[in-house]
Each structure stands twice: as structure tokens, then as C-alpha cells.
């Protein structure tokens, strides 16, 4: 049993599981205008409300698993942290290319981290 007890969801002396869901409305932004004759993106603000557009909504689900084994004079802690468990394609911004096209700039997708901590 002790050889496999470090695997997630296996029992230990102390186990802790936590889930965090984040939801944020889209950030406001102002879309620039592409001038073909200059091949440049420019911002116009006359007679126009600034930052009236919004990016896509942001949401993600995080999972954290922590297991602790207590010994006489020390403790062993193992953890797994999975961010963006559902794999949502959140957008951090837009790239305005020189040819007049707009591409989305994505954030990191799913990220898994784990580790071991020895406490004395």
C-alpha cells in the first residue's frame, strides 16, 4: 500500500481536495481601425464612445489535491495542481497584424503541476 499511496485519490494520513471556479466578464477594449493606404492600425475617438466593446468572458476550473503523511519527527506532503481543468480557451488580447487581419492571443491552456514537500 505505501508504495502506491502517493498517487492522487489514494488515501493518506490527511487528504485535502479543493476546487475553484472563476468567472469574469470580458475586459473592455477599443478596437482600432485599419487604414489600407498607410497599412497601419489607428485609434479614432471623435464622436465615438471609447471601450464600448468587450472581450469574451473568462472562466476556468482549477483542482488541487494535497496529501500528507505524518511520521515521528517529519512530515511528507505531495500535491497535484491542475489549472483550467476543463480546457477553456480564454483570450488575453488581440494581435492586429500589418495585413489588416486580427488574431486572438490565447492564454495558457491546461497546466498541471505537482510536487513533494518535506517538513522537519
Protein backbone atom coordinates (compact mmCIF):
# COMPACT_ATOMS: atom_id res chain seq x y z
CA UNK A 1 0.00 0.00 0.00
CA UNK A 2 2.70 2.54 0.93
CA UNK A 3 4.34 2.17 -2.49
CA UNK A 4 1.16 3.43 -4.23
CA UNK A 5 -0.23 5.85 -1.64
CA UNK A 6 1.38 8.92 -3.32
CA UNK A 7 -0.87 8.54 -6.38
CA UNK A 8 -3.72 11.10 -6.49
CA UNK A 9 -7.01 9.96 -4.95
CA UNK A 10 -5.29 7.25 -2.90
CA UNK A 11 -5.84 7.54 0.86
CA UNK A 12 -3.15 9.07 3.08
CA UNK A 13 -2.96 10.24 6.71
CA UNK A 14 -4.56 13.52 5.63
CA UNK A 15 -6.10 14.28 2.23
CA UNK A 16 -7.36 17.62 1.00
CA UNK A 17 -9.22 18.26 -2.23
CA UNK A 18 -10.26 21.70 -3.42
CA UNK A 19 -11.99 23.05 -6.50
CA UNK A 20 -12.05 26.68 -7.60
CA UNK A 21 -14.21 28.07 -10.41
CA UNK A 22 -13.51 31.54 -11.76
CA UNK A 23 -15.83 33.57 -13.96
CA UNK A 24 -15.12 37.11 -15.10
CA UNK A 25 -16.94 39.25 -17.60
CA UNK A 26 -14.93 40.26 -20.64
CA UNK A 27 -12.47 43.14 -20.36
CA UNK A 28 -13.49 46.34 -22.14
CA UNK A 29 -11.39 47.35 -25.12
CA UNK A 30 -11.40 49.76 -28.04
CA UNK A 31 -10.95 48.25 -31.48
CA UNK A 32 -8.62 50.22 -33.75
CA UNK A 33 -9.37 50.99 -37.39
CA UNK A 34 -7.14 49.68 -40.18
CA UNK A 35 -6.08 52.26 -42.81
CA UNK A 36 -5.28 50.37 -46.02
CA UNK A 37 -3.44 53.26 -47.66
CA UNK A 38 -0.99 53.56 -44.73
CA UNK A 39 -1.08 49.88 -43.74
CA UNK A 40 -1.48 50.92 -40.11
CA UNK A 41 -3.90 50.45 -37.26
CA UNK A 42 -5.10 53.73 -35.69
CA UNK A 43 -7.48 54.65 -32.88
CA UNK A 44 -10.25 57.15 -33.57
CA UNK A 45 -12.17 58.58 -30.64
CA UNK A 46 -14.11 61.57 -32.00
CA UNK A 47 -17.85 61.15 -31.55
CA UNK A 48 -17.36 57.55 -30.54
CA UNK A 49 -17.64 56.00 -27.11
CA UNK A 50 -14.30 54.54 -26.02
CA UNK A 51 -14.05 50.98 -24.73
CA UNK A 52 -17.64 50.08 -25.61
CA UNK A 53 -16.70 46.60 -26.87
CA UNK A 54 -15.90 43.68 -24.60
CA UNK A 55 -13.67 40.65 -24.94
CA UNK A 56 -15.06 37.15 -24.46
CA UNK A 57 -15.94 36.04 -20.93
CA UNK A 58 -13.20 34.39 -18.88
CA UNK A 59 -13.86 31.19 -16.98
CA UNK A 60 -11.83 28.25 -15.72
CA UNK A 61 -11.95 25.40 -13.22
CA UNK A 62 -8.95 24.54 -11.01
CA UNK A 63 -8.41 21.35 -8.99
CA UNK A 64 -5.91 20.96 -6.13
CA UNK A 65 -5.14 17.62 -4.45
CA UNK A 66 -2.93 17.54 -1.38
CA UNK A 67 -1.86 14.51 0.63
CA UNK A 68 0.10 14.46 3.89
CA UNK A 69 1.86 11.62 5.69
CA UNK A 70 2.87 12.18 9.30
CA UNK A 71 5.92 10.41 10.72
CA UNK A 72 7.56 10.68 14.15
CA UNK A 73 9.84 13.65 13.51
CA UNK A 74 8.92 14.80 9.99
CA UNK A 75 6.03 15.08 7.51
CA UNK A 76 5.79 14.37 3.81
CA UNK A 77 3.43 16.38 1.63
CA UNK A 78 2.59 15.63 -2.01
CA UNK A 79 0.36 17.82 -4.16
CA UNK A 80 -1.11 18.00 -7.64
CA UNK A 81 -2.50 21.24 -9.05
CA UNK A 82 -4.44 21.27 -12.31
CA UNK A 83 -5.32 24.72 -13.63
CA UNK A 84 -8.01 25.16 -16.29
CA UNK A 85 -9.22 21.60 -15.88
CA UNK A 86 -11.98 22.00 -18.49
CA UNK A 87 -9.54 23.45 -21.05
CA UNK A 88 -11.35 26.72 -21.78
CA UNK A 89 -9.68 28.78 -24.50
CA UNK A 90 -9.51 32.13 -22.70
CA UNK A 91 -8.25 35.17 -24.61
CA UNK A 92 -5.79 37.68 -23.17
CA UNK A 93 -5.85 40.10 -26.10
CA UNK A 94 -5.85 40.57 -29.85
CA UNK A 95 -2.99 40.91 -32.32
CA UNK A 96 -3.54 43.50 -35.04
CA UNK A 97 -1.46 42.34 -37.99
CA UNK A 98 0.11 44.56 -40.67
CA UNK A 99 -2.06 42.99 -43.37
CA UNK A 100 -5.27 44.17 -41.64
CA UNK A 101 -6.26 40.88 -40.04
CA UNK A 102 -6.99 40.34 -36.36
CA UNK A 103 -5.91 37.21 -34.50
CA UNK A 104 -6.78 36.22 -30.95
CA UNK A 105 -3.95 35.95 -28.42
CA UNK A 106 -4.81 32.97 -26.18
CA UNK A 107 -3.77 32.44 -22.59
CA UNK A 108 -2.16 29.25 -21.35
CA UNK A 109 -4.37 26.22 -21.69
CA UNK A 110 -4.41 23.44 -19.14
CA UNK A 111 -1.41 23.42 -16.82
CA UNK A 112 -0.52 20.59 -14.45
CA UNK A 113 1.96 20.98 -11.61
CA UNK A 114 2.93 18.65 -8.82
CA UNK A 115 5.49 18.43 -6.12
CA UNK A 116 6.72 16.97 -2.89
CA UNK A 117 7.48 18.90 0.30
CA UNK A 118 9.44 17.50 3.27
CA UNK A 119 8.70 19.20 6.60
CA UNK A 120 11.02 18.86 9.63
